[in-house]
Protein backbone atom coordinates (compact mmCIF):
# COMPACT_ATOMS: atom_id res chain seq x y z
CA MET A 1 0.01 0.00 -0.02
CA ILE A 2 2.78 2.37 0.90
CA ILE A 3 4.50 1.67 -2.44
CA VAL A 4 1.27 2.36 -4.35
CA VAL A 5 0.79 5.66 -2.54
CA GLY A 6 4.38 6.59 -3.26
CA LEU A 7 4.01 5.83 -6.95
CA LEU A 8 0.83 7.87 -7.12
CA ALA A 9 2.54 10.78 -5.35
CA PHE A 10 5.45 10.63 -7.79
CA ALA A 11 3.09 10.61 -10.76
CA LEU A 12 1.20 13.63 -9.31
CA VAL A 13 4.45 15.58 -8.73
CA ALA A 14 5.67 14.76 -12.18
CA GLY A 15 2.41 15.89 -13.78
CA LEU A 16 2.41 19.14 -11.86
CA LEU A 17 6.03 19.85 -12.81
CA LEU A 18 5.33 19.19 -16.46
CA ALA A 19 2.25 21.37 -16.42
CA SER A 20 3.82 24.26 -14.45
CA ASN A 21 6.98 24.26 -16.52
CA ARG A 22 5.41 23.67 -19.89
CA SER A 23 6.10 27.09 -21.27
CA GLN A 24 9.68 27.43 -20.11
CA SER A 25 10.81 23.82 -20.50
CA ALA A 26 9.15 22.94 -23.79
CA PRO A 27 11.73 22.41 -26.53
CA SER A 28 11.16 25.89 -27.95
CA SER A 29 7.95 26.78 -29.69
CA GLY A 30 6.37 24.79 -32.46
CA GLU A 31 6.39 27.96 -34.49
CA THR A 32 10.19 28.21 -34.22
CA TRP A 33 10.64 24.57 -35.37
CA GLN A 34 8.12 24.92 -38.21
CA ALA A 35 9.73 28.14 -39.42
CA PHE A 36 13.17 26.45 -39.26
CA ALA A 37 11.89 23.46 -41.24
CA GLN A 38 10.21 25.66 -43.85
CA ALA A 39 13.25 27.91 -44.28
CA SER A 40 15.67 24.94 -44.48
CA GLY A 41 13.55 22.52 -46.56
CA GLY A 42 13.12 19.99 -43.73
CA THR A 43 10.12 17.99 -42.60
CA TYR A 44 8.66 18.93 -39.20
CA SER A 45 6.82 16.65 -36.81
CA GLN A 46 5.87 16.54 -33.15
CA ASN A 47 4.40 14.10 -30.73
CA PRO A 48 0.64 14.29 -29.85
CA LEU A 49 1.30 16.11 -26.55
CA GLY A 50 3.56 18.66 -28.22
CA ARG A 51 6.49 18.02 -25.90
CA ALA A 52 8.85 16.68 -28.51
CA ARG A 53 9.74 18.23 -31.82
CA LYS A 54 11.70 16.90 -34.76
CA VAL A 55 12.93 18.12 -38.18
CA THR A 56 14.35 15.69 -40.76
CA PHE A 57 16.53 16.64 -43.72
CA THR A 58 17.94 14.80 -46.72
CA ASP A 59 21.35 16.25 -47.34
CA GLY A 60 23.40 14.89 -50.25
CA GLY A 61 21.91 11.44 -49.89
CA ARG A 62 22.28 11.51 -46.06
CA THR A 63 19.55 11.82 -43.48
CA ILE A 64 20.13 14.41 -40.71
CA THR A 65 17.68 14.79 -37.84
CA LEU A 66 17.28 17.41 -35.14
CA GLU A 67 15.01 16.78 -32.20
CA ALA A 68 14.22 18.11 -28.71
CA TRP A 69 12.07 16.83 -25.91
CA SER A 70 11.26 17.72 -22.34
CA THR A 71 11.88 15.16 -19.61
CA LEU A 72 12.13 14.78 -15.85
CA ASP A 73 15.09 13.56 -13.79
CA GLY A 74 16.28 13.51 -10.22
CA PRO A 75 15.55 11.64 -7.00
CA GLY A 76 12.67 12.45 -4.66
CA ASP A 77 11.93 16.12 -4.15
CA SER A 78 14.93 17.03 -6.39
CA ILE A 79 13.04 16.13 -9.60
CA LEU A 80 13.71 18.69 -12.27
CA SER A 81 12.21 19.33 -15.68
CA TYR A 82 14.66 20.05 -18.50
CA THR A 83 14.93 19.98 -22.24
CA LYS A 84 17.31 17.76 -24.23
CA PHE A 85 18.43 18.59 -27.78
CA LEU A 86 20.03 16.15 -30.25
CA ALA A 87 21.20 16.55 -33.83
CA GLN A 88 22.58 13.49 -35.58
CA GLY A 89 23.46 11.78 -38.80
CA SER A 90 24.70 8.29 -39.71
CA PHE A 91 27.70 7.37 -41.84
CA ASP A 92 29.20 4.23 -43.42
CA PRO A 93 32.72 3.94 -41.99
CA ALA A 94 35.75 3.27 -44.15
CA ALA A 95 38.36 3.97 -41.38
CA PRO A 96 36.23 4.57 -38.31
CA PHE A 97 37.42 6.27 -35.12
CA GLN A 98 35.72 7.30 -31.95
CA LEU A 99 35.55 10.85 -30.63
CA HIS A 100 33.83 12.41 -27.68
CA ALA A 101 34.29 16.17 -27.06
CA GLU A 102 32.42 17.67 -24.16
CA SER A 103 32.04 21.25 -23.02
CA ARG A 104 34.31 22.22 -20.15
CA LYS A 105 31.46 24.35 -18.88
CA SER A 106 29.56 21.25 -17.83
CA SER A 107 29.01 21.01 -14.11
CA GLN A 108 29.71 17.25 -14.26
CA LEU A 109 31.41 15.59 -17.19
CA SER A 110 29.37 12.86 -18.75
CA LEU A 111 30.11 9.20 -18.05
CA SER A 112 30.37 8.71 -21.78
CA LEU A 113 33.53 10.80 -21.69
CA THR A 114 35.29 7.89 -19.97
CA GLN A 115 33.33 5.06 -21.59
CA ARG A 116 33.93 6.18 -25.20
CA GLY A 117 36.78 7.53 -27.27
CA GLY A 118 40.03 6.18 -25.80
CA GLU A 119 42.66 8.61 -24.61
CA SER A 120 42.33 12.31 -23.82
CA PHE A 121 44.01 14.71 -26.23
CA GLN A 122 44.28 18.42 -27.09
CA THR A 123 43.72 19.74 -30.57
CA GLY A 124 46.45 22.34 -30.39
CA ASP A 125 43.90 25.05 -31.00
CA PRO A 126 43.66 27.25 -27.86
CA GLY A 127 40.00 28.14 -28.42
CA LEU A 128 38.86 24.59 -28.88
CA ASP A 129 40.97 23.23 -26.01
CA ALA A 130 39.56 25.88 -23.66
CA ALA A 131 36.01 25.03 -24.69
CA TYR A 132 36.04 21.25 -24.94
CA ALA A 133 37.55 18.22 -23.22
CA ALA A 134 38.11 15.52 -25.82
CA ARG A 135 38.99 11.82 -26.08
CA SER A 136 39.64 9.56 -29.05
CA ASN A 137 41.14 6.25 -30.00
CA ASP A 138 42.81 8.14 -32.91
CA PRO A 139 43.76 11.57 -31.47
CA ALA A 140 45.56 12.81 -34.57
CA ARG A 141 42.57 12.19 -36.82
CA ALA A 142 40.10 13.48 -34.24
CA ALA A 143 42.16 16.66 -33.69
CA ALA A 144 42.29 17.27 -37.45
CA LEU A 145 38.49 16.87 -37.67
CA MET A 146 37.89 19.34 -34.84
CA ARG A 147 40.33 21.83 -36.42
CA ASN A 148 38.52 21.72 -39.75
CA LEU A 149 37.71 25.41 -40.11
CA ARG A 150 33.93 24.92 -40.55
CA VAL A 151 33.69 22.33 -37.79
CA ARG A 152 35.79 24.52 -35.45
CA GLU A 153 33.64 27.58 -36.11
CA LEU A 154 30.39 25.73 -35.44
CA LEU A 155 31.69 23.94 -32.32
CA LEU A 156 32.74 27.24 -30.76
CA ARG A 157 29.43 28.90 -31.73
CA LEU A 158 27.45 26.03 -30.27
CA SER A 159 29.51 25.72 -27.09
CA GLY A 160 27.27 25.62 -24.00
CA ASN A 161 27.01 24.19 -20.52
CA GLU A 162 26.14 20.69 -21.62
CA ALA A 163 27.21 20.71 -25.29
CA TYR A 164 29.00 17.69 -26.73
CA LEU A 165 30.09 16.17 -30.03
CA ASP A 166 30.20 12.44 -30.31
CA LEU A 167 31.29 9.95 -33.02
CA ALA A 168 30.65 6.33 -32.11
CA SER A 169 28.93 3.10 -33.07
CA ASP A 170 25.43 2.80 -31.77
CA GLY A 171 23.09 -0.13 -32.49
CA GLY A 172 25.38 -1.29 -35.29
CA ARG A 173 25.45 2.04 -37.04
CA TRP A 174 28.03 4.80 -36.83
CA ARG A 175 26.61 8.13 -35.85
CA VAL A 176 27.68 11.71 -35.49
CA ARG A 177 25.83 13.46 -32.70
CA PHE A 178 25.70 16.97 -31.24
CA GLY A 179 23.64 17.47 -28.14
CA ASP A 180 23.03 19.79 -25.25
CA GLU A 181 20.47 20.54 -22.51
CA ASP A 182 18.36 23.60 -21.77
CA ALA A 183 20.06 25.81 -24.35
CA PRO A 184 17.66 28.32 -25.99
CA LEU A 185 16.78 26.80 -29.38
CA SER A 186 16.53 29.65 -31.88
CA ILE A 187 16.30 29.11 -35.60
CA ALA A 188 19.97 30.19 -35.86
CA ARG A 189 21.08 27.61 -33.29
CA LEU A 190 19.12 24.84 -35.01
CA GLN A 191 20.65 25.77 -38.30
CA ASP A 192 24.18 25.77 -36.78
CA ALA A 193 23.60 22.28 -35.34
CA ARG A 194 22.42 20.98 -38.70
CA GLN A 195 25.46 22.47 -40.40
CA LEU A 196 27.79 20.99 -37.79
CA ILE A 197 26.50 17.48 -38.50
CA ALA A 198 26.84 18.06 -42.24
CA ALA A 199 30.35 19.54 -41.86
CA VAL A 200 31.56 16.53 -39.83
CA LEU A 201 30.08 14.12 -42.32
CA ASP A 202 31.74 16.04 -45.19
CA ASP A 203 35.12 15.92 -43.41
CA LEU A 204 34.79 12.21 -42.74
CA ALA A 205 34.09 11.53 -46.40
CA ALA A 206 36.86 13.82 -47.62
CA SER A 207 39.48 12.35 -45.24
CA GLY A 208 38.58 8.76 -46.20
CA ALA A 209 37.12 7.88 -42.83
CA ALA A 210 33.63 7.45 -44.29
CA ARG A 211 32.27 6.38 -47.67
CA LYS A 212 30.39 9.01 -49.61
CA PRO A 213 26.65 8.31 -49.86
């Protein structure tokens, strides 16, 4: 009985948090995402409750997706509502390598920073090394990727408290991901995230690390 009451109380608290924080924790307005999709030629969709938004692009034979959703996390009375953002694209590896670069502004570095990517390294670029902590099983290739002028520009522009760039195998497919939490999602930021994924995929293809689509 106590367990049932506890579960009901948790559900009530979660519902109240979602309702009270809907305006500030929603993954930006539907109007913003629809305008971004229309201006960029993407396809917009959202879940029935309107708490997750997604735009899908076909870029040079590749599929790139951007999505954001609101969620709850935390124990007991420390439950918080926050928004997660993820931009990603898949690639067919020719000479794959792992990379995880995570913002140094993060209050707590992600566990994935130690689980993925091999050894820590610096790119040799003062701006990048001040903004991101990075690991890779091929530091030379990873550093060259991050120093790619377009990739570098977008990484620094997108840098935020929970920002990260990740290249790794997931579910049998190799993916490039950029993500963050609770960053204001303007049309400009969405466009930068899309361009970052495209720039990384272009670099991988040009360097021989991925096959062209």
